[in-house]
Protein backbone atom coordinates (compact mmCIF):
# COMPACT_ATOMS: atom_id res chain seq x y z
CA MET A 1 -59.11 -28.63 -28.16
CA MET A 2 -55.98 -29.86 -26.55
CA MET A 3 -56.24 -30.24 -22.62
CA LYS A 4 -53.70 -28.27 -20.80
CA LYS A 5 -51.31 -30.18 -18.94
CA ILE A 6 -51.07 -29.95 -15.10
CA LYS A 7 -48.04 -28.52 -13.98
CA VAL A 8 -45.78 -30.17 -11.34
CA TYR A 9 -42.35 -29.78 -9.23
CA MET A 10 -40.23 -32.58 -8.94
CA TYR A 11 -37.81 -33.04 -5.92
CA ILE A 12 -34.82 -34.98 -5.35
CA ARG A 13 -32.91 -35.36 -2.08
CA VAL A 14 -29.99 -37.31 -1.94
CA SER A 15 -28.23 -37.84 1.27
CA THR A 16 -25.06 -39.79 -0.53
CA SER A 17 -23.46 -40.31 -3.84
CA MET A 18 -24.27 -44.00 -3.70
CA GLN A 19 -27.64 -45.37 -4.97
CA VAL A 20 -30.84 -44.85 -2.58
CA ASP A 21 -33.17 -48.13 -2.84
CA GLY A 22 -31.77 -49.51 -5.60
CA TYR A 23 -32.00 -46.27 -7.63
CA SER A 24 -29.09 -43.97 -8.74
CA LEU A 25 -29.78 -40.27 -8.72
CA ASP A 26 -30.58 -40.25 -12.86
CA ALA A 27 -32.32 -43.38 -12.28
CA GLN A 28 -34.82 -41.78 -9.69
CA LYS A 29 -34.96 -38.76 -11.99
CA GLU A 30 -35.80 -40.88 -15.06
CA LYS A 31 -38.53 -42.49 -13.26
CA ILE A 32 -40.31 -39.54 -11.96
CA ARG A 33 -40.14 -38.28 -15.26
CA LYS A 34 -41.59 -41.48 -17.25
CA TYR A 35 -44.43 -41.05 -14.27
CA ALA A 36 -45.02 -37.35 -15.13
CA ASP A 37 -45.12 -38.52 -18.80
CA ALA A 38 -47.69 -41.45 -18.57
CA PHE A 39 -50.18 -38.66 -16.54
CA ASP A 40 -49.59 -36.17 -18.76
CA TYR A 41 -47.83 -33.93 -16.22
CA GLU A 42 -45.68 -31.17 -17.03
CA ILE A 43 -42.32 -30.69 -14.74
CA VAL A 44 -41.83 -27.03 -14.55
CA GLY A 45 -39.49 -26.79 -11.62
CA GLU A 46 -36.54 -29.22 -10.38
CA TYR A 47 -35.05 -28.80 -6.83
CA GLU A 48 -32.33 -30.90 -5.60
CA ASP A 49 -31.01 -31.12 -2.22
CA ALA A 50 -27.60 -33.18 -2.43
CA GLY A 51 -25.83 -34.54 0.65
CA LYS A 52 -28.65 -33.58 2.71
CA SER A 53 -30.13 -35.53 5.79
CA GLY A 54 -34.02 -36.13 5.36
CA LYS A 55 -34.03 -35.88 9.52
CA SER A 56 -35.35 -32.29 9.46
CA ILE A 57 -35.83 -29.28 6.63
CA ALA A 58 -33.02 -27.60 8.17
CA GLY A 59 -30.06 -26.98 5.87
CA ARG A 60 -32.48 -28.24 2.81
CA ALA A 61 -32.09 -25.14 1.09
CA GLU A 62 -33.79 -26.66 -2.22
CA PHE A 63 -36.55 -27.57 -0.18
CA LYS A 64 -37.22 -24.74 1.34
CA LYS A 65 -36.90 -22.45 -2.40
CA MET A 66 -39.61 -24.94 -3.24
CA LEU A 67 -42.17 -24.28 -0.32
CA GLU A 68 -41.47 -20.79 -0.74
CA ASP A 69 -42.41 -21.09 -4.79
CA ILE A 70 -45.36 -22.81 -3.73
CA GLU A 71 -46.38 -20.18 -1.61
CA ALA A 72 -45.83 -17.62 -4.02
CA ASN A 73 -47.63 -19.20 -6.72
CA LYS A 74 -44.51 -18.97 -8.78
CA ASP A 75 -45.38 -21.63 -11.32
CA GLY A 76 -49.19 -22.47 -10.74
CA VAL A 77 -48.42 -26.15 -9.70
CA SER A 78 -51.05 -28.73 -8.46
CA TYR A 79 -48.53 -31.49 -7.45
CA VAL A 80 -44.93 -31.97 -6.18
CA LEU A 81 -43.54 -35.42 -7.48
CA VAL A 82 -40.81 -37.11 -5.16
CA PHE A 83 -39.23 -40.52 -5.79
CA LYS A 84 -40.21 -42.06 -2.39
CA LEU A 85 -41.54 -40.52 1.07
CA SER A 86 -37.94 -40.70 2.89
CA ARG A 87 -36.67 -38.80 -0.04
CA PHE A 88 -39.26 -35.77 1.14
CA GLY A 89 -38.43 -36.33 4.72
CA ARG A 90 -37.79 -38.83 7.81
CA ASN A 91 -39.29 -36.45 10.34
CA ALA A 92 -42.77 -37.29 10.87
CA ALA A 93 -43.59 -33.54 12.10
CA ASP A 94 -41.30 -31.72 9.15
CA VAL A 95 -43.11 -33.94 6.80
CA LEU A 96 -46.98 -33.16 7.99
CA ASN A 97 -45.94 -29.98 8.47
CA SER A 98 -44.85 -29.32 4.95
CA LEU A 99 -47.44 -31.26 3.49
CA GLN A 100 -50.26 -29.12 5.03
CA LEU A 101 -48.56 -26.00 4.33
CA MET A 102 -48.27 -27.02 0.27
CA GLN A 103 -52.08 -28.12 0.64
CA ASP A 104 -52.97 -24.89 2.01
CA PHE A 105 -51.98 -23.96 -1.02
CA GLY A 106 -53.75 -26.52 -3.38
CA VAL A 107 -50.47 -28.33 -4.04
CA ASN A 108 -50.59 -32.21 -3.28
CA LEU A 109 -47.67 -34.64 -3.06
CA ILE A 110 -47.29 -37.88 -4.99
CA CYS A 111 -44.68 -40.47 -3.94
CA VAL A 112 -43.82 -42.03 -6.76
CA GLU A 113 -42.49 -45.51 -5.97
CA ASP A 114 -44.77 -45.78 -2.55
CA GLY A 115 -47.79 -45.12 -4.92
CA ILE A 116 -48.67 -42.38 -2.48
CA ASP A 117 -51.08 -39.49 -3.51
CA SER A 118 -51.99 -37.11 -0.65
CA SER A 119 -55.00 -35.81 -2.93
CA LYS A 120 -56.97 -38.88 -2.24
CA ASP A 121 -58.27 -40.09 0.71
CA ALA A 122 -56.07 -42.60 2.19
CA GLY A 123 -52.72 -40.82 0.84
CA LYS A 124 -52.39 -38.47 3.69
CA LEU A 125 -52.98 -41.43 6.19
CA MET A 126 -50.21 -43.39 4.37
CA ILE A 127 -48.06 -40.70 4.47
CA SER A 128 -48.46 -40.17 8.40
CA VAL A 129 -47.85 -43.88 8.86
CA LEU A 130 -44.87 -44.39 6.62
CA SER A 131 -42.99 -41.01 7.96
CA ALA A 132 -43.65 -41.90 11.60
CA VAL A 133 -42.03 -45.43 10.22
CA ALA A 134 -39.13 -43.75 9.02
CA GLU A 135 -38.63 -41.62 11.88
CA ILE A 136 -38.99 -44.80 14.17
CA GLU A 137 -36.49 -46.66 12.13
CA ARG A 138 -33.90 -44.13 12.55
CA GLU A 139 -34.59 -44.23 16.43
CA ASN A 140 -34.40 -48.09 16.63
CA ILE A 141 -31.05 -48.00 14.99
CA LEU A 142 -29.55 -46.22 18.10
CA VAL A 143 -31.43 -48.25 20.52
CA GLN A 144 -29.93 -51.46 18.59
CA THR A 145 -26.78 -50.14 18.43
CA MET A 146 -26.72 -49.55 22.20
CA GLU A 147 -27.86 -52.85 22.87
CA GLY A 148 -25.32 -54.24 20.76
CA ARG A 149 -22.48 -52.42 22.65
CA LYS A 150 -24.37 -53.46 26.08
CA GLN A 151 -24.04 -56.95 25.26
CA LYS A 152 -20.58 -56.78 24.24
CA ALA A 153 -19.74 -55.50 27.44
CA ARG A 154 -21.59 -57.96 29.26
CA GLU A 155 -19.69 -60.33 27.26
CA GLY A 156 -16.24 -58.65 28.50
CA LYS A 157 -15.24 -57.89 25.45
CA TRP A 158 -14.00 -53.89 24.17
CA ASN A 159 -16.27 -51.81 22.96
CA GLY A 160 -14.87 -50.50 20.11
CA GLY A 161 -12.99 -47.16 19.04
CA PHE A 162 -9.21 -46.50 19.85
CA SER A 163 -7.73 -49.02 22.59
CA PRO A 164 -6.77 -47.31 26.12
CA TYR A 165 -3.32 -46.31 26.61
CA GLY A 166 -1.20 -49.53 28.00
CA TYR A 167 -3.39 -51.81 25.59
CA LYS A 168 -3.12 -52.72 21.95
CA LEU A 169 -6.00 -54.15 19.99
CA VAL A 170 -5.49 -57.89 18.53
CA ASN A 171 -8.61 -59.33 16.74
CA GLY A 172 -10.61 -56.85 18.40
CA ARG A 173 -9.48 -58.00 21.75
CA LEU A 174 -7.34 -56.02 24.35
CA GLU A 175 -4.28 -57.36 25.08
CA ILE A 176 -1.43 -55.28 27.36
CA GLU A 177 1.19 -53.40 25.25
CA GLU A 178 3.85 -53.91 27.62
CA GLN A 179 5.97 -50.44 25.91
CA GLU A 180 3.02 -48.78 27.53
CA ALA A 181 1.80 -50.39 30.18
CA GLU A 182 4.94 -49.57 32.11
CA ALA A 183 4.40 -46.06 32.67
CA ILE A 184 0.35 -46.78 33.81
CA ARG A 185 1.82 -49.23 36.46
CA ILE A 186 4.12 -46.28 37.85
CA ILE A 187 1.10 -43.93 37.52
CA PHE A 188 -1.08 -45.96 40.01
CA ASP A 189 1.66 -46.94 42.00
CA LYS A 190 2.98 -43.32 42.76
CA TYR A 191 -0.95 -42.30 43.44
CA ALA A 192 -1.59 -45.36 45.72
CA ASN A 193 2.01 -45.47 47.56
CA THR A 194 2.96 -41.88 47.69
CA GLU A 195 1.34 -38.20 48.54
CA LEU A 196 1.91 -37.29 44.84
CA GLY A 197 -1.33 -36.32 42.97
CA SER A 198 -2.19 -36.57 39.31
CA ASN A 199 0.19 -32.90 38.92
CA GLY A 200 3.10 -34.20 40.88
CA ILE A 201 2.92 -37.51 38.96
CA ALA A 202 3.06 -35.70 35.98
CA LYS A 203 6.15 -34.13 37.08
CA TYR A 204 7.70 -37.22 37.98
CA LEU A 205 7.24 -38.74 35.04
CA ALA A 206 8.83 -36.03 32.95
CA GLN A 207 11.55 -35.60 35.63
CA GLN A 208 12.16 -39.36 35.09
CA GLY A 209 12.21 -38.89 30.97
CA ILE A 210 9.18 -41.36 30.93
CA ASN A 211 7.08 -40.06 27.75
CA LYS A 212 4.09 -41.33 26.59
CA ILE A 213 4.24 -42.97 23.12
CA ALA A 214 2.33 -41.02 20.30
CA ARG A 215 -0.46 -42.76 18.56
CA GLN A 216 -3.66 -42.45 16.58
CA ASN A 217 -5.52 -41.17 19.31
CA GLY A 218 -2.70 -38.93 21.12
CA SER A 219 -0.15 -37.26 19.25
CA ASN A 220 1.61 -35.17 22.97
CA THR A 221 4.19 -37.19 23.94
CA MET A 222 3.61 -36.00 27.84
CA PHE A 223 1.71 -37.45 30.42
CA ASP A 224 -0.23 -34.38 31.34
CA ALA A 225 -2.54 -34.37 34.59
CA HIS A 226 -5.69 -34.52 32.76
CA LEU A 227 -4.63 -37.70 31.13
CA ILE A 228 -3.54 -38.96 34.26
CA ARG A 229 -6.76 -38.62 35.82
CA THR A 230 -8.12 -40.25 32.95
CA ILE A 231 -6.30 -43.29 33.55
CA LEU A 232 -6.70 -43.34 37.12
CA GLU A 233 -10.60 -43.33 36.92
CA ASN A 234 -10.66 -46.16 33.91
CA PRO A 235 -11.53 -49.73 35.26
CA VAL A 236 -10.45 -51.35 32.30
CA TYR A 237 -6.80 -51.32 33.66
CA CYS A 238 -8.04 -53.47 36.68
CA GLY A 239 -9.63 -55.87 34.10
CA LYS A 240 -13.47 -54.30 33.83
CA ILE A 241 -15.26 -53.62 30.93
CA ALA A 242 -17.47 -49.98 31.81
CA PHE A 243 -20.50 -49.26 29.89
CA GLY A 244 -22.51 -46.04 30.20
CA ARG A 245 -19.95 -44.25 31.90
CA ARG A 246 -21.18 -40.92 29.75
CA LYS A 247 -24.36 -41.03 28.38
CA LYS A 248 -25.96 -39.04 25.39
CA GLU A 249 -28.99 -37.01 26.88
CA LYS A 250 -31.43 -34.74 24.54
CA ILE A 251 -30.68 -31.11 25.35
CA ILE A 252 -33.92 -29.88 26.79
CA GLY A 253 -35.68 -27.40 24.12
CA THR A 254 -34.37 -28.88 21.17
CA ARG A 255 -35.41 -31.55 19.15
CA ASP A 256 -32.12 -33.55 17.65
CA GLU A 257 -29.47 -32.09 19.92
CA TYR A 258 -27.77 -34.02 22.36
CA HIS A 259 -24.79 -33.87 24.63
CA LEU A 260 -22.52 -36.32 26.89
CA VAL A 261 -23.38 -36.26 30.76
CA LYS A 262 -20.69 -38.12 32.97
CA GLN A 263 -23.01 -41.20 34.75
CA ASP A 264 -22.26 -41.92 38.50
CA ASP A 265 -24.20 -45.37 37.86
CA TYR A 266 -22.94 -47.26 35.23
CA MET A 267 -22.57 -51.06 34.20
CA LEU A 268 -19.09 -52.74 35.55
CA CYS A 269 -18.33 -55.91 33.90
CA ASP A 270 -15.47 -58.65 34.04
CA GLY A 271 -13.17 -58.23 31.03
CA ILE A 272 -11.88 -61.14 29.33
CA HIS A 273 -8.68 -59.01 28.81
CA GLU A 274 -5.96 -59.15 31.61
CA ALA A 275 -5.66 -56.44 34.38
CA ILE A 276 -2.30 -54.39 34.29
CA ILE A 277 -2.89 -53.43 37.87
CA ASP A 278 -4.35 -55.59 40.69
CA MET A 279 -7.93 -55.35 42.44
CA ASP A 280 -6.15 -53.98 45.73
CA VAL A 281 -4.10 -51.10 43.87
CA TRP A 282 -7.36 -49.97 42.22
CA GLU A 283 -9.25 -49.62 45.24
CA THR A 284 -6.73 -47.79 47.21
CA VAL A 285 -6.66 -45.73 44.25
CA GLN A 286 -10.08 -45.10 44.15
CA GLU A 287 -10.71 -44.65 47.89
CA LYS A 288 -7.97 -41.53 47.92
CA ARG A 289 -9.43 -39.83 45.15
CA LYS A 290 -12.65 -39.94 47.12
CA GLU A 291 -10.46 -38.29 49.87
CA MET A 292 -8.83 -35.87 47.59
CA ALA A 293 -12.05 -34.83 46.47
CA LYS A 294 -13.65 -34.28 49.81
CA LYS A 295 -10.51 -32.10 50.47
CA TYR A 296 -10.70 -30.17 47.38
CA GLU A 297 -14.15 -29.25 48.31
CA HIS A 298 -13.17 -28.59 51.76
CA VAL A 299 -10.44 -26.14 50.61
CA ASN A 300 -12.28 -24.15 47.98
CA LYS A 301 -15.42 -23.68 50.01
CA GLY A 302 -16.06 -20.04 49.82
CA LYS A 303 -12.74 -19.50 47.85
CA ASP A 304 -12.58 -16.09 46.05
CA GLU A 305 -14.40 -16.46 42.63
CA ARG A 306 -12.52 -13.88 40.76
CA ILE A 307 -12.98 -13.63 37.51
CA HIS A 308 -9.47 -13.33 35.57
CA LEU A 309 -10.55 -10.90 32.28
CA LEU A 310 -7.30 -12.12 30.24
CA SER A 311 -6.95 -15.82 31.31
CA GLY A 312 -6.00 -17.87 28.35
CA LEU A 313 -5.90 -14.66 25.96
CA LEU A 314 -2.56 -14.20 27.27
CA ARG A 315 0.69 -15.68 25.79
CA CYS A 316 3.53 -16.87 27.44
CA PRO A 317 6.69 -15.44 25.61
CA VAL A 318 8.72 -18.11 25.67
CA CYS A 319 6.67 -21.01 25.36
CA GLY A 320 3.55 -19.38 23.54
CA ALA A 321 1.36 -21.29 26.49
CA GLY A 322 -1.98 -19.33 27.60
CA MET A 323 -1.07 -17.66 30.84
CA TYR A 324 -3.96 -17.52 33.59
CA GLY A 325 -4.92 -15.45 36.35
CA ASN A 326 -3.76 -16.67 39.95
CA LYS A 327 -3.76 -15.28 43.68
CA SER A 328 -0.85 -14.67 45.70
CA ILE A 329 -1.67 -14.48 49.67
CA LYS A 330 0.99 -11.70 50.88
CA ASN A 331 1.65 -11.96 54.36
CA ARG A 332 3.56 -8.88 56.91
CA ASN A 333 4.41 -9.81 60.32
CA GLY A 334 2.85 -13.53 59.96
CA LYS A 335 -0.63 -11.57 59.32
CA HIS A 336 -2.32 -11.58 56.05
CA TYR A 337 -1.53 -8.33 54.64
CA LYS A 338 -3.37 -8.52 50.87
CA ASP A 339 -4.15 -10.65 48.36
CA TYR A 340 -2.21 -10.14 45.19
CA TYR A 341 -3.40 -11.19 41.57
CA TYR A 342 -1.53 -11.67 38.73
CA TYR A 343 -1.25 -13.62 35.65
CA GLY A 344 1.57 -16.58 35.07
CA CYS A 345 2.38 -19.07 32.23
CA LYS A 346 0.49 -22.38 32.92
CA HIS A 347 3.41 -24.59 32.24
CA ARG A 348 5.63 -22.55 34.97
CA ARG A 349 5.14 -25.00 37.50
CA ASN A 350 4.73 -28.29 35.49
CA THR A 351 1.12 -29.00 36.21
CA ARG A 352 0.51 -31.09 33.05
CA GLY A 353 3.72 -32.68 32.41
CA HIS A 354 5.09 -29.41 31.02
CA SER A 355 7.61 -27.02 31.91
CA CYS A 356 8.59 -23.26 30.89
CA ALA A 357 11.28 -21.04 32.22
CA PHE A 358 8.87 -17.88 32.19
CA SER A 359 8.55 -17.05 35.88
CA LYS A 360 7.63 -13.45 35.76
CA GLN A 361 4.07 -12.68 37.54
CA LEU A 362 2.09 -9.89 35.34
CA GLN A 363 -0.19 -7.62 37.97
CA GLU A 364 -3.63 -8.31 36.59
CA GLU A 365 -4.90 -5.15 37.29
CA LYS A 366 -2.03 -3.42 35.17
CA MET A 367 -2.71 -5.86 32.42
CA ASP A 368 -6.67 -5.21 32.46
CA ASN A 369 -6.23 -1.65 32.19
CA ALA A 370 -3.92 -1.62 29.43
CA VAL A 371 -5.95 -3.84 27.21
CA ALA A 372 -8.81 -2.03 28.00
CA GLU A 373 -7.04 1.11 26.76
CA VAL A 374 -5.72 -0.30 23.68
CA ILE A 375 -9.44 -1.29 22.59
CA SER A 376 -10.51 2.27 23.53
CA ARG A 377 -7.79 3.77 21.61
CA LEU A 378 -8.69 1.41 18.66
CA VAL A 379 -12.32 2.43 18.43
CA SER A 380 -11.37 6.19 18.68
CA ASN A 381 -9.51 5.96 15.64
CA PRO A 382 -10.80 7.91 12.71
CA LYS A 383 -10.22 4.97 10.03
CA PHE A 384 -11.78 2.67 12.12
CA ALA A 385 -15.82 3.45 11.35
CA ASP A 386 -15.00 3.60 7.36
CA MET A 387 -13.15 0.19 7.78
CA MET A 388 -15.95 -1.35 9.66
CA GLN A 389 -19.01 -0.64 7.50
CA LYS A 390 -16.99 -2.18 4.46
CA LYS A 391 -16.74 -5.42 6.35
CA ILE A 392 -20.07 -5.65 8.32
CA ASN A 393 -21.25 -8.08 5.56
CA MET A 394 -18.80 -10.98 5.95
CA LYS A 395 -20.58 -14.33 6.13
CA VAL A 396 -19.89 -17.63 7.85
CA ASP A 397 -18.30 -20.15 5.41
CA THR A 398 -19.30 -23.83 6.62
CA THR A 399 -18.76 -25.27 3.26
CA GLU A 400 -15.80 -27.47 4.44
CA ILE A 401 -17.81 -28.78 7.73
CA GLU A 402 -20.70 -29.88 5.49
CA THR A 403 -18.72 -31.57 2.87
CA GLU A 404 -17.48 -33.60 6.29
CA ILE A 405 -21.10 -34.38 7.29
CA ALA A 406 -21.96 -34.97 3.63
CA ASN A 407 -19.04 -38.11 3.25
CA ILE A 408 -19.73 -39.24 6.76
CA GLN A 409 -23.57 -39.74 5.86
CA LYS A 410 -22.47 -41.77 2.88
CA GLN A 411 -20.34 -43.91 4.56
CA LEU A 412 -23.50 -44.47 7.51
CA GLY A 413 -25.42 -45.19 4.63
CA GLN A 414 -23.13 -47.77 3.54
CA TYR A 415 -22.72 -49.31 6.98
CA ILE A 416 -26.44 -49.47 7.26
CA GLY A 417 -26.65 -51.24 4.09
CA THR A 418 -24.41 -53.64 5.04
CA LYS A 419 -26.09 -54.33 8.37
CA ARG A 420 -29.44 -55.34 6.66
CA SER A 421 -27.24 -57.58 4.24
CA LEU A 422 -25.99 -59.14 7.35
CA GLU A 423 -29.17 -59.24 8.91
CA LYS A 424 -30.65 -60.96 5.98
CA GLN A 425 -27.84 -63.52 5.58
CA ILE A 426 -28.61 -64.24 9.22
CA ASP A 427 -32.17 -64.92 8.84
CA ASN A 428 -31.57 -67.32 5.60
CA LEU A 429 -29.40 -69.41 7.43
CA ASP A 430 -30.24 -72.79 7.16
CA VAL A 431 -30.40 -74.57 10.76
CA GLU A 432 -29.55 -77.98 9.41
CA ASP A 433 -26.33 -76.75 8.11
CA ARG A 434 -23.48 -78.42 9.95
CA HIS A 435 -21.38 -75.14 9.79
CA TYR A 436 -24.75 -73.22 11.18
CA ASP A 437 -23.17 -72.52 14.35
CA ARG A 438 -19.71 -71.17 13.14
CA LYS A 439 -21.40 -69.42 10.23
CA LEU A 440 -24.18 -67.57 12.35
CA SER A 441 -21.29 -66.84 14.86
CA ASP A 442 -18.81 -65.17 11.94
CA LEU A 443 -21.96 -63.19 10.78
CA GLN A 444 -22.94 -61.75 14.33
CA ASP A 445 -19.62 -60.60 14.84
CA ARG A 446 -19.78 -59.06 11.31
CA LEU A 447 -23.02 -57.29 12.70
CA ASP A 448 -21.61 -55.90 15.96
CA LYS A 449 -18.45 -54.39 14.05
CA MET A 450 -21.33 -52.41 11.89
CA TYR A 451 -23.35 -51.36 15.02
CA ASP A 452 -19.86 -50.14 16.26
CA ASN A 453 -19.34 -48.30 12.68
CA ILE A 454 -22.79 -47.08 12.65
CA ASP A 455 -22.35 -45.36 16.33
CA ASP A 456 -19.17 -43.95 15.44
CA ALA A 457 -20.70 -42.62 12.40
CA GLU A 458 -23.71 -40.81 14.30
CA LYS A 459 -21.05 -39.55 16.74
CA SER A 460 -19.32 -38.13 14.05
CA ILE A 461 -22.02 -36.62 12.57
CA ALA A 462 -23.30 -35.01 15.82
CA VAL A 463 -19.69 -33.69 16.64
CA CYS A 464 -19.62 -31.85 12.91
CA LYS A 465 -23.16 -30.49 13.26
CA ASP A 466 -22.09 -29.11 16.75
CA ARG A 467 -19.09 -27.59 15.38
CA LYS A 468 -21.01 -25.87 12.29
CA LYS A 469 -23.34 -24.50 15.20
CA ALA A 470 -20.68 -23.14 17.18
CA ILE A 471 -19.24 -21.59 14.56
CA GLU A 472 -22.41 -19.75 13.72
CA ALA A 473 -23.40 -18.93 17.19
CA GLU A 474 -20.03 -17.79 17.97
CA LYS A 475 -20.35 -15.31 14.94
CA LEU A 476 -20.86 -11.80 16.08
CA THR A 477 -22.78 -9.71 13.42
CA GLY A 478 -20.95 -6.87 11.99
CA ASP A 479 -23.48 -4.53 13.09
CA ASN A 480 -23.92 -5.83 16.68
CA ILE A 481 -19.69 -5.45 16.99
CA TYR A 482 -19.66 -1.93 15.90
CA LYS A 483 -22.44 -0.97 18.33
CA VAL A 484 -20.72 -2.57 21.20
CA LEU A 485 -17.11 -0.74 20.09
CA ILE A 486 -18.62 2.36 19.43
CA TYR A 487 -20.09 2.90 23.10
CA PHE A 488 -17.12 0.27 24.84
CA ASP A 489 -16.04 2.94 27.30
CA LYS A 490 -19.23 3.57 28.61
CA LEU A 491 -20.32 0.07 28.50
CA TYR A 492 -16.91 -1.19 29.98
CA ALA A 493 -17.06 0.85 32.77
CA VAL A 494 -20.27 -0.36 33.91
CA MET A 495 -20.26 -4.04 33.11
CA GLU A 496 -19.96 -6.79 35.81
CA ASP A 497 -16.81 -8.90 35.25
CA ALA A 498 -18.39 -11.79 33.82
CA ASP A 499 -19.65 -9.66 30.84
CA LYS A 500 -16.03 -8.23 30.47
CA ARG A 501 -14.63 -11.32 30.33
CA ASN A 502 -17.48 -12.51 27.66
CA LEU A 503 -16.72 -9.42 25.87
CA LEU A 504 -12.80 -9.37 25.70
CA THR A 505 -12.97 -13.49 24.56
CA THR A 506 -15.45 -12.56 21.61
CA LEU A 507 -12.89 -9.53 20.58
CA ILE A 508 -9.51 -10.76 21.20
CA ASP A 509 -7.81 -13.60 19.73
CA GLU A 510 -4.48 -13.49 21.51
CA ILE A 511 -2.59 -11.27 23.38
CA GLN A 512 1.44 -11.02 23.16
CA VAL A 513 3.44 -9.53 25.65
CA TYR A 514 7.20 -8.89 26.34
CA GLU A 515 9.97 -11.18 27.79
CA GLU A 516 10.78 -8.37 30.22
CA GLU A 517 9.08 -5.21 30.98
CA ARG A 518 10.03 -2.20 28.77
CA SER A 519 11.62 0.78 30.57
CA ASN A 520 8.26 3.06 30.63
CA GLY A 521 6.52 -0.19 32.32
CA GLN A 522 4.83 -1.42 29.21
CA TRP A 523 4.29 -5.54 29.02
CA LEU A 524 2.26 -5.32 25.93
CA LYS A 525 3.69 -6.53 22.52
CA SER A 526 0.90 -6.70 20.47
CA ILE A 527 -3.06 -7.65 20.59
CA SER A 528 -4.59 -9.97 17.83
CA PHE A 529 -8.47 -9.32 17.33
CA ASN A 530 -11.24 -11.43 16.27
CA LEU A 531 -12.92 -8.92 14.10
CA PRO A 532 -13.65 -8.82 10.34
CA ILE A 533 -13.02 -5.18 10.31
CA ILE A 534 -9.49 -4.23 9.18
CA GLU A 535 -6.98 -5.95 6.73
CA ASN A 536 -3.93 -3.82 7.62
CA ASP A 537 -2.09 -3.77 11.01
CA MET A 538 -2.25 -0.65 13.29
CA ASP A 539 0.42 0.86 15.28
CA LEU A 540 -1.67 2.38 18.47
CA SER A 541 0.41 4.95 20.38
CA LEU A 542 -0.17 4.87 24.34
CA ASP A 543 0.39 7.10 27.17
CA LYS A 544 4.51 8.04 27.59
CA GLY A 545 5.15 7.15 24.39
CA SER A 546 4.75 3.65 24.19
CA HIS A 547 3.29 1.34 21.17
CA VAL A 548 1.14 -1.59 20.80
CA GLU A 549 1.02 -3.40 17.36
CA VAL A 550 -2.96 -4.47 16.74
CA ILE A 551 -3.44 -7.15 14.50
CA ILE A 552 -6.98 -7.42 13.35
CA MET A 553 -7.31 -11.27 12.39
CA MET A 554 -9.53 -12.20 9.73
CA GLN A 555 -11.02 -15.02 11.56
CA TYR A 556 -14.16 -16.87 10.91
CA CYS A 557 -14.84 -21.13 11.09
CA GLY A 558 -11.12 -21.02 12.55
CA LYS A 559 -9.95 -20.04 9.09
CA GLU A 560 -7.98 -16.82 8.74
CA LYS A 561 -8.26 -15.03 5.90
CA ASN A 562 -5.41 -12.54 4.78
């Protein structure tokens, strides 16, 4: 009588389309199939996660589906076959938790290449050890990368990335770019020797026709106040190399989420590059920055914390920039009379190296009330509820970001492979070779560059993942939007200003206004909403016969769907 074959699942994960551990995707599958044939196993299901990281099970749809099928006893399998344990996962907790879940349903794990069978006494112990090693190796890469960058800083070398404005990179070394450096000298001189602040310097440069040269890390040709503050605080211009000015810190309550935090205490080393400004000027500027910070703190102590509901949502009819809330103090007979709140174009005072001729001040209360009225009219429209119900099931599309992450992870894998190869070459160098020192130096420089590349790739992946999470987090479900809007009038009337602001910024993409107030007192021209509700524009009639065009933007993931 022929014995019934043992049923198994095959799981394949590839973080890149490149070969993994010397085997292509097809070669891995073939090796697993040969193993199954040798032990008379029947592969009844294949699960493949392409372009997915093993750092966690999050985002691995096929892996999760496999676990669900095991829980449901869909095919009555006894084993899951994987090429290597690292393909199953690289996070020790995830590996052990997933394995425990499988074993709860009588399913064990076999790692073909590693020779591990979790049903054997030593199998689970080996899995615990190897999965922990994989996670430690990933952490070590980060540590080694940071140590390599720290050592470069100690040696006064540039730590990678685009060169700061005023310098160019020549064979990895900073050299002064005179076309750019002249503006840097003017910025430091004006800040140190005049009463001008960063906004005043931005205006001065614009008036003098001194523009920023566009390059790969900045296409804006204007010196805005933010850029000037960044330049004034960067010690590279006085011949120093800083390390650790911003530190990646773990977000409390998460496992793999980090954010950059500005540090007061950081490493500062003498650079091998030439300074653009001398140390006396640098120290004068830093002292003035400290004094200005104290002055600003004093001026703003007890400052009105009013929340301007439409800041950034209103668009200037002339330059298209955001309009922001401001306060003007009205005096009568030399005494404070009242505070006047209004919205104005952020460029009208040339605060960021730009200028705009639209100088109108739009009364804040009037604009806030007009927008609230438009939303109220919108939700009371009889067509609104029907169209809402048809659109509430739209889903977020993050395919483009996931593809970008996969491509960067592919590049990261290549960098890590090259790094390991360089390390082996260094280990295999013959100390008796008369060119030993030169070869070692050359290989070490290349290794340092690989560490830079790995670090940049890791940061890019983190940024992409943050973008994806932001997209998913910012998406309100259709049901929640519907409930908020149905009861908008009642809710809005009792909301705190902070809650009103959050609601409006969630619902509204932008608000267009006329250049001149209409004869009926109306400023509103159109409102574009971020709601997946209505495909056609609506023209709402307000009081006094005025009309506002309401544009419902089909916006998800930063894309418009028309």
